[in-house]
Amino acid sequence: MFVDVDVVLERKVAALEAHASQVTKTNIEGLTILDIARSSAHFRGIQGRVRNAEGFVPLRLFINIAP
């Protein structure tokens, strides 16, 4: 399941950017967590046929309410 996040993506990136000490800790030289967040959103967007998206796995809970 993919959820369109195009309208909130830059807000998410700004939230990630607020944690400045973590931005460059990716183990890939020249690539920041901000780049990864944008790339991931774009890739999931292609999968979900929108510009930017996040992927989720729906969780179904079955509750037995019979006595």
PDB file of N, CA and C in Angstrom:
ATOM      1  N   MET A   1       0.854  -1.161   0.000  1.00  0.00           N
ATOM      2  CA  MET A   1       0.000   0.000   0.000  1.00  0.00           C
ATOM      3  C   MET A   1       0.904   1.228   0.000  1.00  0.00           C
ATOM      4  N   PHE A   2       0.603   2.171  -0.865  1.00  0.00           N
ATOM      5  CA  PHE A   2       1.403   3.389  -0.964  1.00  0.00           C
ATOM      6  C   PHE A   2       0.538   4.601  -0.649  1.00  0.00           C
ATOM      7  N   VAL A   3       1.101   5.540   0.110  1.00  0.00           N
ATOM      8  CA  VAL A   3       0.397   6.760   0.482  1.00  0.00           C
ATOM      9  C   VAL A   3       1.134   7.935  -0.145  1.00  0.00           C
ATOM     10  N   ASP A   4       0.411   8.770  -0.873  1.00  0.00           N
ATOM     11  CA  ASP A   4       0.978   9.951  -1.519  1.00  0.00           C
ATOM     12  C   ASP A   4       1.449  10.936  -0.446  1.00  0.00           C
ATOM     13  N   VAL A   5       2.734  11.280  -0.459  1.00  0.00           N
ATOM     14  CA  VAL A   5       3.296  12.204   0.531  1.00  0.00           C
ATOM     15  C   VAL A   5       3.853  13.469  -0.123  1.00  0.00           C
ATOM     16  N   ASP A   6       3.451  13.731  -1.348  1.00  0.00           N
ATOM     17  CA  ASP A   6       4.006  14.862  -2.090  1.00  0.00           C
ATOM     18  C   ASP A   6       3.831  16.189  -1.357  1.00  0.00           C
ATOM     19  N   VAL A   7       2.668  16.401  -0.747  1.00  0.00           N
ATOM     20  CA  VAL A   7       2.409  17.692  -0.101  1.00  0.00           C
ATOM     21  C   VAL A   7       3.146  17.848   1.229  1.00  0.00           C
ATOM     22  N   VAL A   8       3.648  16.763   1.808  1.00  0.00           N
ATOM     23  CA  VAL A   8       4.330  16.852   3.103  1.00  0.00           C
ATOM     24  C   VAL A   8       5.802  16.443   3.043  1.00  0.00           C
ATOM     25  N   LEU A   9       6.295  16.103   1.876  1.00  0.00           N
ATOM     26  CA  LEU A   9       7.669  15.606   1.773  1.00  0.00           C
ATOM     27  C   LEU A   9       8.696  16.630   2.252  1.00  0.00           C
ATOM     28  N   GLU A  10       8.579  17.865   1.837  1.00  0.00           N
ATOM     29  CA  GLU A  10       9.566  18.871   2.251  1.00  0.00           C
ATOM     30  C   GLU A  10       9.484  19.141   3.745  1.00  0.00           C
ATOM     31  N   ARG A  11       8.310  18.994   4.317  1.00  0.00           N
ATOM     32  CA  ARG A  11       8.164  19.131   5.771  1.00  0.00           C
ATOM     33  C   ARG A  11       8.902  17.983   6.481  1.00  0.00           C
ATOM     34  N   LYS A  12       8.806  16.798   5.926  1.00  0.00           N
ATOM     35  CA  LYS A  12       9.525  15.644   6.483  1.00  0.00           C
ATOM     36  C   LYS A  12      11.031  15.868   6.384  1.00  0.00           C
ATOM     37  N   VAL A  13      11.485  16.350   5.239  1.00  0.00           N
ATOM     38  CA  VAL A  13      12.912  16.616   5.038  1.00  0.00           C
ATOM     39  C   VAL A  13      13.390  17.675   6.030  1.00  0.00           C
ATOM     40  N   ALA A  14      12.578  18.706   6.270  1.00  0.00           N
ATOM     41  CA  ALA A  14      12.942  19.744   7.241  1.00  0.00           C
ATOM     42  C   ALA A  14      13.048  19.159   8.648  1.00  0.00           C
ATOM     43  N   ALA A  15      12.155  18.232   8.986  1.00  0.00           N
ATOM     44  CA  ALA A  15      12.213  17.578  10.296  1.00  0.00           C
ATOM     45  C   ALA A  15      13.488  16.746  10.420  1.00  0.00           C
ATOM     46  N   LEU A  16      13.842  16.034   9.364  1.00  0.00           N
ATOM     47  CA  LEU A  16      15.087  15.262   9.377  1.00  0.00           C
ATOM     48  C   LEU A  16      16.295  16.186   9.491  1.00  0.00           C
ATOM     49  N   GLU A  17      16.237  17.305   8.796  1.00  0.00           N
ATOM     50  CA  GLU A  17      17.340  18.270   8.788  1.00  0.00           C
ATOM     51  C   GLU A  17      17.559  18.884  10.171  1.00  0.00           C
ATOM     52  N   ALA A  18      16.510  18.917  10.989  1.00  0.00           N
ATOM     53  CA  ALA A  18      16.622  19.468  12.339  1.00  0.00           C
ATOM     54  C   ALA A  18      17.567  18.634  13.206  1.00  0.00           C
ATOM     55  N   HIS A  19      17.779  17.389  12.833  1.00  0.00           N
ATOM     56  CA  HIS A  19      18.704  16.515  13.555  1.00  0.00           C
ATOM     57  C   HIS A  19      20.052  16.537  12.825  1.00  0.00           C
ATOM     58  N   ALA A  20      20.687  17.695  12.860  1.00  0.00           N
ATOM     59  CA  ALA A  20      21.886  17.961  12.062  1.00  0.00           C
ATOM     60  C   ALA A  20      22.997  16.936  12.267  1.00  0.00           C
ATOM     61  N   SER A  21      23.153  16.424  13.470  1.00  0.00           N
ATOM     62  CA  SER A  21      24.241  15.471  13.716  1.00  0.00           C
ATOM     63  C   SER A  21      24.009  14.135  13.016  1.00  0.00           C
ATOM     64  N   GLN A  22      22.796  13.861  12.582  1.00  0.00           N
ATOM     65  CA  GLN A  22      22.467  12.587  11.947  1.00  0.00           C
ATOM     66  C   GLN A  22      22.432  12.659  10.416  1.00  0.00           C
ATOM     67  N   VAL A  23      22.388  13.859   9.865  1.00  0.00           N
ATOM     68  CA  VAL A  23      22.164  14.044   8.427  1.00  0.00           C
ATOM     69  C   VAL A  23      23.199  13.337   7.566  1.00  0.00           C
ATOM     70  N   THR A  24      24.460  13.377   7.958  1.00  0.00           N
ATOM     71  CA  THR A  24      25.516  12.801   7.113  1.00  0.00           C
ATOM     72  C   THR A  24      25.906  11.379   7.512  1.00  0.00           C
ATOM     73  N   LYS A  25      25.237  10.791   8.460  1.00  0.00           N
ATOM     74  CA  LYS A  25      25.588   9.438   8.927  1.00  0.00           C
ATOM     75  C   LYS A  25      24.888   8.373   8.088  1.00  0.00           C
ATOM     76  N   THR A  26      25.349   8.210   6.853  1.00  0.00           N
ATOM     77  CA  THR A  26      24.716   7.247   5.954  1.00  0.00           C
ATOM     78  C   THR A  26      25.650   6.136   5.502  1.00  0.00           C
ATOM     79  N   ASN A  27      26.921   6.228   5.822  1.00  0.00           N
ATOM     80  CA  ASN A  27      27.934   5.267   5.364  1.00  0.00           C
ATOM     81  C   ASN A  27      28.112   5.288   3.846  1.00  0.00           C
ATOM     82  N   ILE A  28      27.582   6.309   3.191  1.00  0.00           N
ATOM     83  CA  ILE A  28      27.769   6.481   1.752  1.00  0.00           C
ATOM     84  C   ILE A  28      28.267   7.911   1.553  1.00  0.00           C
ATOM     85  N   GLU A  29      29.515   8.047   1.177  1.00  0.00           N
ATOM     86  CA  GLU A  29      30.120   9.366   1.043  1.00  0.00           C
ATOM     87  C   GLU A  29      29.371  10.229   0.031  1.00  0.00           C
ATOM     88  N   GLY A  30      29.079  11.458   0.426  1.00  0.00           N
ATOM     89  CA  GLY A  30      28.414  12.400  -0.461  1.00  0.00           C
ATOM     90  C   GLY A  30      26.902  12.261  -0.520  1.00  0.00           C
ATOM     91  N   LEU A  31      26.344  11.344   0.257  1.00  0.00           N
ATOM     92  CA  LEU A  31      24.898  11.135   0.256  1.00  0.00           C
ATOM     93  C   LEU A  31      24.377  11.361   1.670  1.00  0.00           C
ATOM     94  N   THR A  32      23.413  12.262   1.806  1.00  0.00           N
ATOM     95  CA  THR A  32      22.862  12.556   3.128  1.00  0.00           C
ATOM     96  C   THR A  32      21.534  11.835   3.326  1.00  0.00           C
ATOM     97  N   ILE A  33      21.084  11.812   4.557  1.00  0.00           N
ATOM     98  CA  ILE A  33      19.795  11.205   4.869  1.00  0.00           C
ATOM     99  C   ILE A  33      18.667  11.962   4.158  1.00  0.00           C
ATOM    100  N   LEU A  34      18.894  13.233   3.882  1.00  0.00           N
ATOM    101  CA  LEU A  34      17.900  14.033   3.158  1.00  0.00           C
ATOM    102  C   LEU A  34      17.780  13.544   1.717  1.00  0.00           C
ATOM    103  N   ASP A  35      18.922  13.257   1.093  1.00  0.00           N
ATOM    104  CA  ASP A  35      18.923  12.710  -0.266  1.00  0.00           C
ATOM    105  C   ASP A  35      18.217  11.358  -0.302  1.00  0.00           C
ATOM    106  N   ILE A  36      18.496  10.538   0.700  1.00  0.00           N
ATOM    107  CA  ILE A  36      17.901   9.204   0.759  1.00  0.00           C
ATOM    108  C   ILE A  36      16.391   9.293   0.950  1.00  0.00           C
ATOM    109  N   ALA A  37      15.934  10.200   1.807  1.00  0.00           N
ATOM    110  CA  ALA A  37      14.493  10.355   2.040  1.00  0.00           C
ATOM    111  C   ALA A  37      13.781  10.775   0.759  1.00  0.00           C
ATOM    112  N   ARG A  38      14.374  11.729   0.036  1.00  0.00           N
ATOM    113  CA  ARG A  38      13.761  12.178  -1.228  1.00  0.00           C
ATOM    114  C   ARG A  38      13.773  11.064  -2.277  1.00  0.00           C
ATOM    115  N   SER A  39      14.901  10.368  -2.392  1.00  0.00           N
ATOM    116  CA  SER A  39      15.009   9.286  -3.377  1.00  0.00           C
ATOM    117  C   SER A  39      14.033   8.160  -3.077  1.00  0.00           C
ATOM    118  N   SER A  40      13.933   7.806  -1.817  1.00  0.00           N
ATOM    119  CA  SER A  40      13.016   6.744  -1.412  1.00  0.00           C
ATOM    120  C   SER A  40      11.569   7.137  -1.705  1.00  0.00           C
ATOM    121  N   ALA A  41      11.210   8.372  -1.386  1.00  0.00           N
ATOM    122  CA  ALA A  41       9.846   8.847  -1.649  1.00  0.00           C
ATOM    123  C   ALA A  41       9.555   8.841  -3.147  1.00  0.00           C
ATOM    124  N   HIS A  42      10.537   9.214  -3.947  1.00  0.00           N
ATOM    125  CA  HIS A  42      10.338   9.218  -5.398  1.00  0.00           C
ATOM    126  C   HIS A  42      10.180   7.786  -5.924  1.00  0.00           C
ATOM    127  N   PHE A  43      11.031   6.879  -5.460  1.00  0.00           N
ATOM    128  CA  PHE A  43      10.945   5.479  -5.893  1.00  0.00           C
ATOM    129  C   PHE A  43       9.604   4.864  -5.507  1.00  0.00           C
ATOM    130  N   ARG A  44       9.189   5.074  -4.261  1.00  0.00           N
ATOM    131  CA  ARG A  44       7.888   4.544  -3.831  1.00  0.00           C
ATOM    132  C   ARG A  44       6.752   5.222  -4.591  1.00  0.00           C
ATOM    133  N   GLY A  45       6.951   6.470  -4.967  1.00  0.00           N
ATOM    134  CA  GLY A  45       5.951   7.163  -5.778  1.00  0.00           C
ATOM    135  C   GLY A  45       5.781   6.512  -7.136  1.00  0.00           C
ATOM    136  N   ILE A  46       6.880   6.109  -7.743  1.00  0.00           N
ATOM    137  CA  ILE A  46       6.806   5.406  -9.025  1.00  0.00           C
ATOM    138  C   ILE A  46       6.032   4.108  -8.852  1.00  0.00           C
ATOM    139  N   GLN A  47       6.321   3.388  -7.777  1.00  0.00           N
ATOM    140  CA  GLN A  47       5.606   2.140  -7.525  1.00  0.00           C
ATOM    141  C   GLN A  47       4.113   2.377  -7.303  1.00  0.00           C
ATOM    142  N   GLY A  48       3.787   3.489  -6.636  1.00  0.00           N
ATOM    143  CA  GLY A  48       2.388   3.785  -6.337  1.00  0.00           C
ATOM    144  C   GLY A  48       1.702   4.658  -7.370  1.00  0.00           C
ATOM    145  N   ARG A  49       2.427   4.970  -8.450  1.00  0.00           N
ATOM    146  CA  ARG A  49       1.904   5.775  -9.556  1.00  0.00           C
ATOM    147  C   ARG A  49       1.508   7.195  -9.149  1.00  0.00           C
ATOM    148  N   VAL A  50       2.320   7.766  -8.251  1.00  0.00           N
ATOM    149  CA  VAL A  50       2.193   9.171  -7.868  1.00  0.00           C
ATOM    150  C   VAL A  50       3.598   9.756  -7.870  1.00  0.00           C
ATOM    151  N   ARG A  51       3.722  11.034  -7.585  1.00  0.00           N
ATOM    152  CA  ARG A  51       5.040  11.673  -7.624  1.00  0.00           C
ATOM    153  C   ARG A  51       5.944  11.198  -6.477  1.00  0.00           C
ATOM    154  N   ASN A  52       5.451  11.255  -5.251  1.00  0.00           N
ATOM    155  CA  ASN A  52       6.205  10.828  -4.068  1.00  0.00           C
ATOM    156  C   ASN A  52       5.276  10.061  -3.141  1.00  0.00           C
ATOM    157  N   ALA A  53       5.767   8.972  -2.569  1.00  0.00           N
ATOM    158  CA  ALA A  53       4.923   8.156  -1.695  1.00  0.00           C
ATOM    159  C   ALA A  53       5.762   7.467  -0.634  1.00  0.00           C
ATOM    160  N   GLU A  54       5.067   6.926   0.359  1.00  0.00           N
ATOM    161  CA  GLU A  54       5.678   6.039   1.340  1.00  0.00           C
ATOM    162  C   GLU A  54       4.912   4.735   1.293  1.00  0.00           C
ATOM    163  N   GLY A  55       5.626   3.649   1.494  1.00  0.00           N
ATOM    164  CA  GLY A  55       4.998   2.333   1.454  1.00  0.00           C
ATOM    165  C   GLY A  55       4.690   1.819   2.847  1.00  0.00           C
ATOM    166  N   PHE A  56       3.562   1.174   2.968  1.00  0.00           N
ATOM    167  CA  PHE A  56       3.131   0.597   4.240  1.00  0.00           C
ATOM    168  C   PHE A  56       2.581  -0.798   4.002  1.00  0.00           C
ATOM    169  N   VAL A  57       2.662  -1.621   5.019  1.00  0.00           N
ATOM    170  CA  VAL A  57       2.051  -2.949   4.984  1.00  0.00           C
ATOM    171  C   VAL A  57       0.832  -2.879   5.893  1.00  0.00           C
ATOM    172  N   PRO A  58      -0.367  -3.084   5.342  1.00  0.00           N
ATOM    173  CA  PRO A  58      -1.565  -3.014   6.189  1.00  0.00           C
ATOM    174  C   PRO A  58      -1.561  -4.136   7.227  1.00  0.00           C
ATOM    175  N   LEU A  59      -1.976  -3.807   8.410  1.00  0.00           N
ATOM    176  CA  LEU A  59      -2.044  -4.766   9.497  1.00  0.00           C
ATOM    177  C   LEU A  59      -3.509  -5.029   9.812  1.00  0.00           C
ATOM    178  N   ARG A  60      -3.896  -6.274   9.747  1.00  0.00           N
ATOM    179  CA  ARG A  60      -5.279  -6.642  10.063  1.00  0.00           C
ATOM    180  C   ARG A  60      -5.288  -7.397  11.381  1.00  0.00           C
ATOM    181  N   LEU A  61      -6.149  -6.954  12.251  1.00  0.00           N
ATOM    182  CA  LEU A  61      -6.310  -7.626  13.534  1.00  0.00           C
ATOM    183  C   LEU A  61      -7.674  -8.293  13.562  1.00  0.00           C
ATOM    184  N   PHE A  62      -7.688  -9.526  13.943  1.00  0.00           N
ATOM    185  CA  PHE A  62      -8.946 -10.254  14.074  1.00  0.00           C
ATOM    186  C   PHE A  62      -9.208 -10.454  15.560  1.00  0.00           C
ATOM    187  N   ILE A  63     -10.274  -9.869  16.017  1.00  0.00           N
ATOM    188  CA  ILE A  63     -10.626  -9.961  17.425  1.00  0.00           C
ATOM    189  C   ILE A  63     -11.894 -10.792  17.551  1.00  0.00           C
ATOM    190  N   ASN A  64     -11.825 -11.810  18.349  1.00  0.00           N
ATOM    191  CA  ASN A  64     -12.977 -12.668  18.572  1.00  0.00           C
ATOM    192  C   ASN A  64     -13.863 -12.011  19.630  1.00  0.00           C
ATOM    193  N   ILE A  65     -15.019 -11.493  19.213  1.00  0.00           N
ATOM    194  CA  ILE A  65     -15.910 -10.824  20.160  1.00  0.00           C
ATOM    195  C   ILE A  65     -17.100 -11.699  20.541  1.00  0.00           C
ATOM    196  N   ALA A  66     -17.109 -12.917  20.041  1.00  0.00           N
ATOM    197  CA  ALA A  66     -18.198 -13.839  20.387  1.00  0.00           C
ATOM    198  C   ALA A  66     -17.992 -14.359  21.810  1.00  0.00           C
ATOM    199  N   PRO A  67     -19.100 -14.552  22.559  1.00  0.00           N
ATOM    200  CA  PRO A  67     -18.961 -15.042  23.944  1.00  0.00           C
ATOM    201  C   PRO A  67     -18.463 -16.465  24.014  1.00  0.00           C
TER     202      PRO A  67
END
